Amino acid sequence: MSEKIVIIGAGQAAIQAVQSLRAEGHAGPITLVGEEAYPPYQRPPLSKAYLLSQLERPRLFLKSDAYYGEAGVDLLLNTTAKAIDRAGKTVELTDGRKLPYDKLLLTTGARVRKLRCPGADLPGIFYLKSIADVDALQAAFLPGARIAIVGAGYIGLEVAAVGAKRGLQVTVFEAMDRVMARAVSPALSDFFMAEHVKAGVDVKLNTGVEGFEGSGKVERILAGGKSHDVDLVLVGIGVIANDELAREAGLAATDGIVVDRNAMTSDSAIFAAGDCTRHYGREGTLLRLECVQNAIDQAKHAALAMTGKPKDYSEVPWFWSDQYDLKLQIAGLARPSDRLVARGDPASRKFSVFHLRDGKIAAVEAVNAPQDYMIGKKLIAEGRAVPAETLADSAIPMKQIGV
């Protein structure tokens, strides 16, 4: 319990690991290394309340400045790790310093995937991952401005909703045939598409982006064979796992640092948690999740393993998105072959879609229906079989189904 622990990456997983390590009795030194100027903060509000100016910056931070000193954490900000010396058990920083460790935790997260097309480097094209990204975007995010959003995933549609609320002229360009195609069922895609159109957002499906033009800054987006005048662009086309540090150190990594059910890498002294990992899901297949739930739960399990109390990680994944007055909550991981069961009427703006696999609930998508989500999540964890007709009958309370 007196070992030196170094954590690389200062996000949600990192601060959870610190809390869990101390709660599990680790009394040794902890060094937390972060690339940004800020200590760990919440990222989900960036594309919602923070962009909408409904949440002040201090409320983003997960802990007070005083916490780190009280918890005995040496916080190194604006600092980047360069290499891991596994034999010597040190981490080399870009400034030349070397940090010795007994155990190392990698919570390096992910970075935005960037467009590679003509004009993609023009000023006025933004990405959204950090406080600095939103602060830069805010200066151009003005009523009446014409914003092109590339990608109709969570980030793209959340920014579209905020833009519509703030009076921007919003156009969304999506290469696939429906919005949030990788995240939700067709019924949910249709519902959210209609809500955005109702709010005045122009959503262009099956429309890939070919490039950008402008003199000094972006002025036009070339998409679907046409040119569209714009004042700014927000790109949200996914993220890439930051696994290079691990890979260069010889750790197993394939689109994410491969870890076992105890968050251990291929080196028994090195662990990893959060968006940067590829781990074994509940059904035994390797997967990479980009969500707060995985960052928190995996960090807890890493801390348990590092303090000699390993416990297999098999949590039910959950996700959420806020768009307008709609809260989308998802639990579990769906497959295209699942049987879909609708509960409630989308016209009421309160409904859910359950995914059945071999008679059991594999996933639930709930819109403004927190009870459907919570009980659905419980039933997924229990592996409970529920008749489709029971789920579809909204006259039967979810509480009764969950008993």
Protein backbone atom coordinates (compact mmCIF):
# COMPACT_ATOMS: atom_id res chain seq x y z
CA MET A 1 0.00 0.00 0.00
CA SER A 2 3.07 2.27 -0.07
CA GLU A 3 3.94 1.73 -3.73
CA LYS A 4 4.51 4.64 -6.11
CA ILE A 5 1.62 4.95 -8.54
CA VAL A 6 1.79 7.13 -11.64
CA ILE A 7 -1.35 7.95 -13.65
CA ILE A 8 -0.95 9.25 -17.20
CA GLY A 9 -3.99 11.20 -18.40
CA ALA A 10 -6.11 13.54 -16.27
CA GLY A 11 -9.72 12.80 -17.13
CA GLN A 12 -12.74 11.09 -15.57
CA ALA A 13 -11.01 7.70 -15.23
CA ALA A 14 -7.95 9.27 -13.61
CA ILE A 15 -9.79 11.08 -10.83
CA GLN A 16 -11.97 8.03 -10.16
CA ALA A 17 -8.81 5.93 -9.85
CA VAL A 18 -7.35 8.39 -7.34
CA GLN A 19 -10.51 8.29 -5.24
CA SER A 20 -10.74 4.51 -5.37
CA LEU A 21 -7.05 3.98 -4.60
CA ARG A 22 -7.32 6.10 -1.46
CA ALA A 23 -10.62 4.45 -0.49
CA GLU A 24 -9.01 1.01 -0.83
CA GLY A 25 -6.21 2.01 1.52
CA HIS A 26 -3.38 2.92 -0.82
CA ALA A 27 -1.16 5.24 1.22
CA GLY A 28 1.75 5.65 -1.16
CA PRO A 29 2.50 8.58 -3.47
CA ILE A 30 0.28 9.19 -6.50
CA THR A 31 1.43 11.34 -9.41
CA LEU A 32 -1.18 12.46 -11.93
CA VAL A 33 0.08 13.72 -15.31
CA GLY A 34 -2.25 15.72 -17.58
CA GLU A 35 -1.65 17.35 -20.97
CA GLU A 36 -4.20 20.14 -20.49
CA ALA A 37 -3.95 23.21 -18.28
CA TYR A 38 -6.88 21.98 -16.20
CA PRO A 39 -7.30 19.27 -13.57
CA PRO A 40 -9.86 16.51 -14.32
CA TYR A 41 -13.21 17.86 -15.48
CA GLN A 42 -16.51 16.65 -16.93
CA ARG A 43 -16.57 16.41 -20.71
CA PRO A 44 -20.25 15.56 -21.40
CA PRO A 45 -21.53 19.09 -20.52
CA LEU A 46 -19.14 20.67 -23.02
CA SER A 47 -21.46 20.08 -25.98
CA LYS A 48 -24.57 20.83 -23.94
CA ALA A 49 -24.84 23.14 -20.90
CA TYR A 50 -21.34 24.65 -21.18
CA LEU A 51 -21.75 25.51 -24.86
CA LEU A 52 -25.20 26.89 -24.07
CA SER A 53 -23.60 29.08 -21.33
CA GLN A 54 -25.85 27.48 -18.71
CA LEU A 55 -22.90 26.00 -16.80
CA GLU A 56 -19.97 28.07 -15.60
CA ARG A 57 -16.47 26.69 -16.01
CA PRO A 58 -15.76 26.09 -12.28
CA ARG A 59 -18.69 23.67 -12.15
CA LEU A 60 -17.04 21.45 -14.76
CA PHE A 61 -14.23 20.43 -12.43
CA LEU A 62 -14.65 17.07 -10.73
CA LYS A 63 -12.73 18.08 -7.59
CA SER A 64 -11.67 21.32 -5.94
CA ASP A 65 -8.07 22.48 -6.26
CA ALA A 66 -7.60 21.75 -2.57
CA TYR A 67 -8.58 18.10 -3.00
CA TYR A 68 -5.34 17.09 -4.69
CA GLY A 69 -3.16 18.32 -1.86
CA GLU A 70 -5.48 16.78 0.73
CA ALA A 71 -5.41 13.47 -1.13
CA GLY A 72 -1.62 13.52 -1.42
CA VAL A 73 -1.64 13.73 -5.23
CA ASP A 74 1.21 15.38 -7.12
CA LEU A 75 -0.65 17.01 -10.02
CA LEU A 76 1.48 17.75 -13.09
CA LEU A 77 -0.51 19.75 -15.66
CA ASN A 78 0.53 20.98 -19.13
CA THR A 79 2.74 17.90 -19.07
CA THR A 80 3.03 15.12 -21.63
CA ALA A 81 4.43 11.62 -21.24
CA LYS A 82 6.93 10.69 -23.95
CA ALA A 83 7.86 7.08 -23.27
CA ILE A 84 7.51 4.20 -20.83
CA ASP A 85 10.62 2.29 -19.76
CA ARG A 86 9.05 -0.97 -18.61
CA ALA A 87 12.34 -2.56 -17.56
CA GLY A 88 13.37 0.44 -15.46
CA LYS A 89 9.78 1.19 -14.40
CA THR A 90 9.94 4.86 -15.28
CA VAL A 91 7.86 7.23 -17.38
CA GLU A 92 9.81 9.82 -19.36
CA LEU A 93 8.13 13.20 -19.81
CA THR A 94 8.69 15.50 -22.79
CA ASP A 95 10.55 17.95 -20.53
CA GLY A 96 13.14 15.26 -19.75
CA ARG A 97 11.94 14.35 -16.27
CA LYS A 98 11.61 10.68 -15.39
CA LEU A 99 8.94 9.46 -12.98
CA PRO A 100 9.61 6.14 -11.23
CA TYR A 101 6.63 3.87 -10.62
CA ASP A 102 5.77 0.59 -8.99
CA LYS A 103 2.45 0.53 -10.79
CA LEU A 104 1.37 2.63 -13.77
CA LEU A 105 -2.18 3.48 -14.85
CA LEU A 106 -2.86 4.73 -18.37
CA THR A 107 -6.00 6.86 -18.69
CA THR A 108 -4.92 8.61 -21.87
CA GLY A 109 -8.43 8.82 -23.34
CA ALA A 110 -9.08 9.54 -26.99
CA ARG A 111 -8.62 12.38 -29.46
CA VAL A 112 -10.96 13.69 -32.14
CA ARG A 113 -10.86 12.12 -35.56
CA LYS A 114 -9.99 14.85 -38.06
CA LEU A 115 -11.21 15.34 -41.59
CA ARG A 116 -8.71 14.77 -44.36
CA CYS A 117 -9.97 16.71 -47.36
CA PRO A 118 -9.08 19.94 -49.22
CA GLY A 119 -9.42 23.00 -47.01
CA ALA A 120 -9.82 21.01 -43.78
CA ASP A 121 -7.18 23.18 -42.08
CA LEU A 122 -8.94 26.50 -42.73
CA PRO A 123 -9.63 28.75 -39.73
CA GLY A 124 -13.26 28.54 -38.66
CA ILE A 125 -13.36 24.72 -38.66
CA PHE A 126 -13.76 23.49 -35.09
CA TYR A 127 -13.68 20.21 -33.18
CA LEU A 128 -15.11 19.63 -29.72
CA LYS A 129 -13.27 17.64 -27.06
CA SER A 130 -11.91 20.08 -24.48
CA ILE A 131 -12.69 23.29 -22.60
CA ALA A 132 -10.32 25.12 -24.95
CA ASP A 133 -12.24 23.76 -27.96
CA VAL A 134 -15.55 25.12 -26.68
CA ASP A 135 -14.04 28.46 -25.67
CA ALA A 136 -12.66 28.86 -29.20
CA LEU A 137 -15.99 27.85 -30.74
CA GLN A 138 -17.96 30.30 -28.57
CA ALA A 139 -16.43 33.34 -30.26
CA ALA A 140 -18.03 32.35 -33.58
CA PHE A 141 -21.13 30.65 -32.16
CA LEU A 142 -23.40 33.65 -32.60
CA PRO A 143 -27.10 34.14 -33.42
CA GLY A 144 -27.66 34.25 -37.17
CA ALA A 145 -24.35 32.56 -37.98
CA ARG A 146 -24.48 29.77 -40.55
CA ILE A 147 -22.96 26.66 -39.00
CA ALA A 148 -22.29 23.43 -40.85
CA ILE A 149 -22.05 20.39 -38.61
CA VAL A 150 -20.25 17.39 -40.07
CA GLY A 151 -21.53 14.18 -38.49
CA ALA A 152 -24.91 13.38 -36.94
CA GLY A 153 -23.68 11.46 -33.93
CA TYR A 154 -24.15 12.51 -30.30
CA ILE A 155 -21.75 15.47 -30.47
CA GLY A 156 -23.03 16.75 -33.79
CA LEU A 157 -26.69 16.61 -32.80
CA GLU A 158 -26.11 18.04 -29.32
CA VAL A 159 -24.32 21.02 -30.87
CA ALA A 160 -27.09 21.28 -33.47
CA ALA A 161 -29.67 21.49 -30.68
CA VAL A 162 -27.69 24.17 -28.85
CA GLY A 163 -27.17 26.07 -32.10
CA ALA A 164 -30.90 26.02 -32.89
CA LYS A 165 -31.68 27.27 -29.37
CA ARG A 166 -29.18 30.12 -29.75
CA GLY A 167 -30.53 31.23 -33.10
CA LEU A 168 -27.86 29.94 -35.46
CA GLN A 169 -28.72 28.66 -38.93
CA VAL A 170 -27.82 24.99 -38.56
CA THR A 171 -27.14 22.47 -41.31
CA VAL A 172 -26.03 18.93 -40.48
CA PHE A 173 -24.21 16.79 -43.05
CA GLU A 174 -24.32 13.03 -42.41
CA ALA A 175 -22.73 10.45 -44.70
CA MET A 176 -25.00 7.63 -43.52
CA ASP A 177 -28.72 7.18 -44.20
CA ARG A 178 -29.93 8.11 -40.70
CA VAL A 179 -28.82 10.14 -37.68
CA MET A 180 -26.96 8.44 -34.81
CA ALA A 181 -26.86 5.33 -37.00
CA ARG A 182 -24.06 3.69 -35.01
CA ALA A 183 -25.69 4.36 -31.65
CA VAL A 184 -29.46 3.87 -31.83
CA SER A 185 -32.21 1.88 -33.53
CA PRO A 186 -33.99 3.20 -36.66
CA ALA A 187 -37.05 4.23 -34.61
CA LEU A 188 -34.89 6.49 -32.44
CA SER A 189 -33.11 7.88 -35.50
CA ASP A 190 -36.44 8.78 -37.10
CA PHE A 191 -37.71 10.40 -33.91
CA PHE A 192 -34.63 12.59 -33.35
CA MET A 193 -34.42 13.48 -37.04
CA ALA A 194 -38.01 14.79 -36.88
CA GLU A 195 -37.26 16.78 -33.71
CA HIS A 196 -34.28 18.51 -35.29
CA VAL A 197 -36.22 19.34 -38.45
CA LYS A 198 -39.02 20.72 -36.27
CA ALA A 199 -36.45 22.97 -34.56
CA GLY A 200 -35.35 24.37 -37.91
CA VAL A 201 -32.22 22.28 -38.43
CA ASP A 202 -31.52 21.25 -42.03
CA VAL A 203 -30.33 17.63 -41.89
CA LYS A 204 -28.75 16.29 -45.07
CA LEU A 205 -28.42 12.50 -45.00
CA ASN A 206 -26.34 10.38 -47.39
CA THR A 207 -24.20 13.47 -47.88
CA GLY A 208 -20.44 13.16 -47.61
CA VAL A 209 -18.11 16.14 -47.30
CA GLU A 210 -15.67 16.68 -50.16
CA GLY A 211 -13.86 19.77 -48.92
CA PHE A 212 -13.93 23.39 -47.81
CA GLU A 213 -13.13 26.71 -49.46
CA GLY A 214 -12.46 30.20 -48.23
CA SER A 215 -10.11 33.14 -48.27
CA GLY A 216 -8.44 33.43 -44.87
CA LYS A 217 -11.20 31.39 -43.19
CA VAL A 218 -13.80 28.82 -44.13
CA GLU A 219 -16.59 30.29 -46.30
CA ARG A 220 -18.01 27.28 -48.11
CA ILE A 221 -18.44 23.58 -47.50
CA LEU A 222 -18.47 21.24 -50.48
CA ALA A 223 -20.80 18.33 -49.75
CA GLY A 224 -22.99 16.04 -51.83
CA GLY A 225 -21.65 17.62 -54.98
CA LYS A 226 -22.87 21.08 -53.98
CA SER A 227 -21.37 24.20 -52.41
CA HIS A 228 -22.95 25.67 -49.26
CA ASP A 229 -22.07 29.06 -47.76
CA VAL A 230 -21.03 28.86 -44.09
CA ASP A 231 -19.62 31.05 -41.34
CA LEU A 232 -18.22 28.22 -39.23
CA VAL A 233 -17.98 24.43 -39.19
CA LEU A 234 -18.12 21.93 -36.32
CA VAL A 235 -16.76 18.46 -37.06
CA GLY A 236 -17.93 15.50 -34.99
CA ILE A 237 -16.91 12.27 -36.72
CA GLY A 238 -15.72 10.20 -33.79
CA VAL A 239 -12.53 9.75 -31.82
CA ILE A 240 -9.33 7.71 -31.92
CA ALA A 241 -7.94 5.91 -28.88
CA ASN A 242 -4.71 7.38 -27.52
CA ASP A 243 -2.86 4.06 -27.36
CA GLU A 244 0.45 5.12 -28.96
CA LEU A 245 2.33 5.46 -25.66
CA ALA A 246 1.35 1.91 -24.74
CA ARG A 247 2.02 0.48 -28.19
CA GLU A 248 5.47 2.06 -28.37
CA ALA A 249 6.25 0.45 -25.01
CA GLY A 250 5.39 -2.95 -26.46
CA LEU A 251 2.02 -3.38 -24.77
CA ALA A 252 -0.77 -5.17 -26.63
CA ALA A 253 -2.92 -2.56 -28.39
CA THR A 254 -5.43 -2.78 -31.24
CA ASP A 255 -7.54 0.36 -31.58
CA GLY A 256 -7.16 0.68 -27.82
CA ILE A 257 -4.90 -0.71 -25.10
CA VAL A 258 -5.92 -4.32 -24.57
CA VAL A 259 -6.73 -5.08 -20.93
CA ASP A 260 -8.10 -8.09 -19.06
CA ARG A 261 -11.14 -8.09 -16.78
CA ASN A 262 -9.03 -6.51 -14.03
CA ALA A 263 -7.93 -3.60 -16.27
CA MET A 264 -4.42 -5.09 -16.46
CA THR A 265 -2.42 -4.70 -19.67
CA SER A 266 0.01 -7.28 -21.04
CA ASP A 267 2.46 -5.98 -18.38
CA SER A 268 1.37 -6.90 -14.84
CA ALA A 269 2.65 -3.56 -13.47
CA ILE A 270 0.68 -1.47 -15.96
CA PHE A 271 -3.09 -0.95 -16.00
CA ALA A 272 -5.40 1.09 -18.22
CA ALA A 273 -8.93 2.47 -17.99
CA GLY A 274 -11.41 4.53 -19.98
CA ASP A 275 -11.72 5.50 -23.64
CA CYS A 276 -8.17 4.38 -24.42
CA THR A 277 -8.86 0.71 -23.65
CA ARG A 278 -10.14 -2.33 -25.46
CA HIS A 279 -11.59 -4.69 -22.88
CA TYR A 280 -13.65 -7.86 -22.58
CA GLY A 281 -17.37 -7.11 -22.50
CA ARG A 282 -20.05 -9.05 -20.67
CA GLU A 283 -20.35 -11.49 -23.56
CA GLY A 284 -16.61 -12.14 -23.72
CA THR A 285 -15.75 -10.17 -26.86
CA LEU A 286 -13.20 -7.37 -27.00
CA LEU A 287 -14.73 -3.93 -27.37
CA ARG A 288 -13.89 -0.28 -26.88
CA LEU A 289 -16.40 2.03 -25.20
CA GLU A 290 -16.36 5.82 -25.21
CA CYS A 291 -18.50 6.73 -22.22
CA VAL A 292 -18.37 8.05 -18.68
CA GLN A 293 -19.68 4.76 -17.28
CA ASN A 294 -16.77 2.75 -18.63
CA ALA A 295 -14.23 5.34 -17.48
CA ILE A 296 -15.60 5.29 -13.93
CA ASP A 297 -16.22 1.57 -13.53
CA GLN A 298 -13.02 0.45 -15.21
CA ALA A 299 -10.99 2.86 -13.08
CA LYS A 300 -12.58 1.40 -9.95
CA HIS A 301 -11.58 -2.09 -11.04
CA ALA A 302 -8.05 -0.94 -11.90
CA ALA A 303 -7.72 0.50 -8.39
CA LEU A 304 -8.97 -2.74 -6.86
CA ALA A 305 -6.42 -4.75 -8.84
CA MET A 306 -3.58 -2.36 -8.02
CA THR A 307 -4.34 -2.70 -4.31
CA GLY A 308 -4.42 -6.48 -4.45
CA LYS A 309 -8.20 -6.92 -4.49
CA PRO A 310 -8.95 -7.88 -8.10
CA LYS A 311 -12.60 -8.13 -9.14
CA ASP A 312 -13.73 -8.99 -12.66
CA TYR A 313 -15.23 -6.11 -14.60
CA SER A 314 -18.64 -6.98 -16.09
CA GLU A 315 -20.70 -3.81 -15.74
CA VAL A 316 -23.66 -2.96 -17.98
CA PRO A 317 -22.63 -0.09 -20.27
CA TRP A 318 -24.78 3.03 -20.25
CA PHE A 319 -24.86 6.21 -22.30
CA TRP A 320 -26.91 9.38 -22.53
CA SER A 321 -27.53 12.41 -24.71
CA ASP A 322 -29.44 15.65 -24.08
CA GLN A 323 -31.01 17.29 -27.12
CA TYR A 324 -33.59 20.07 -26.64
CA ASP A 325 -35.89 18.90 -23.81
CA LEU A 326 -35.21 15.25 -24.65
CA LYS A 327 -33.05 12.99 -22.48
CA LEU A 328 -31.95 9.87 -24.28
CA GLN A 329 -30.67 7.13 -21.96
CA ILE A 330 -29.29 3.84 -23.25
CA ALA A 331 -28.20 0.74 -21.34
CA GLY A 332 -26.60 -2.35 -22.82
CA LEU A 333 -25.14 -2.97 -26.27
CA ALA A 334 -27.49 -3.63 -29.18
CA ARG A 335 -27.00 -5.81 -32.25
CA PRO A 336 -28.69 -5.48 -35.65
CA SER A 337 -30.23 -8.93 -35.21
CA ASP A 338 -32.01 -8.04 -31.93
CA ARG A 339 -35.80 -8.17 -31.78
CA LEU A 340 -37.08 -4.62 -31.16
CA VAL A 341 -40.03 -3.98 -28.86
CA ALA A 342 -41.51 -0.47 -28.61
CA ARG A 343 -43.07 0.74 -25.36
CA GLY A 344 -45.05 3.98 -25.31
CA ASP A 345 -45.89 6.45 -28.05
CA PRO A 346 -43.14 8.62 -29.58
CA ALA A 347 -45.77 11.35 -30.11
CA SER A 348 -45.96 11.69 -26.32
CA ARG A 349 -42.18 12.38 -26.27
CA LYS A 350 -41.87 9.67 -23.63
CA PHE A 351 -41.17 6.17 -24.92
CA SER A 352 -38.58 3.41 -25.12
CA VAL A 353 -37.32 0.65 -27.37
CA PHE A 354 -36.18 -2.66 -25.87
CA HIS A 355 -33.77 -4.98 -27.65
CA LEU A 356 -34.43 -8.68 -27.04
CA ARG A 357 -31.84 -11.37 -27.69
CA ASP A 358 -32.75 -15.00 -27.02
CA GLY A 359 -35.75 -13.72 -25.09
CA LYS A 360 -33.63 -11.63 -22.73
CA ILE A 361 -33.26 -7.84 -22.65
CA ALA A 362 -29.92 -6.97 -24.23
CA ALA A 363 -30.38 -3.19 -24.45
CA VAL A 364 -32.88 -0.43 -23.81
CA GLU A 365 -33.19 3.02 -25.39
CA ALA A 366 -35.36 5.38 -23.38
CA VAL A 367 -36.49 8.92 -24.27
CA ASN A 368 -37.73 10.93 -21.27
CA ALA A 369 -38.52 7.56 -19.66
CA PRO A 370 -36.06 7.17 -16.78
CA GLN A 371 -37.94 4.29 -15.16
CA ASP A 372 -37.84 2.24 -18.37
CA TYR A 373 -34.10 2.90 -18.51
CA MET A 374 -33.34 2.09 -14.87
CA ILE A 375 -35.40 -1.08 -14.70
CA GLY A 376 -34.25 -2.13 -18.16
CA LYS A 377 -30.64 -1.74 -17.04
CA LYS A 378 -31.38 -3.90 -13.96
CA LEU A 379 -32.99 -6.61 -16.10
CA ILE A 380 -29.99 -6.60 -18.46
CA ALA A 381 -27.64 -7.13 -15.51
CA GLU A 382 -29.80 -9.98 -14.22
CA GLY A 383 -30.03 -11.65 -17.64
CA ARG A 384 -33.79 -11.84 -17.17
CA ALA A 385 -36.12 -13.10 -19.90
CA VAL A 386 -39.20 -10.90 -20.35
CA PRO A 387 -42.01 -11.61 -22.84
CA ALA A 388 -42.16 -9.05 -25.65
CA GLU A 389 -45.89 -8.52 -25.16
CA THR A 390 -45.32 -7.65 -21.50
CA LEU A 391 -42.72 -5.00 -22.37
CA ALA A 392 -44.93 -3.56 -25.10
CA ASP A 393 -47.94 -3.18 -22.77
CA SER A 394 -47.48 0.25 -21.18
CA ALA A 395 -50.50 -0.48 -18.96
CA ILE A 396 -48.21 -2.82 -17.02
CA PRO A 397 -45.96 -0.66 -14.80
CA MET A 398 -42.22 -1.11 -15.31
CA LYS A 399 -41.86 -1.56 -11.56
CA GLN A 400 -44.06 -4.64 -11.82
CA ILE A 401 -41.98 -6.00 -14.70
CA GLY A 402 -38.77 -5.42 -12.75
CA VAL A 403 -39.86 -7.29 -9.62
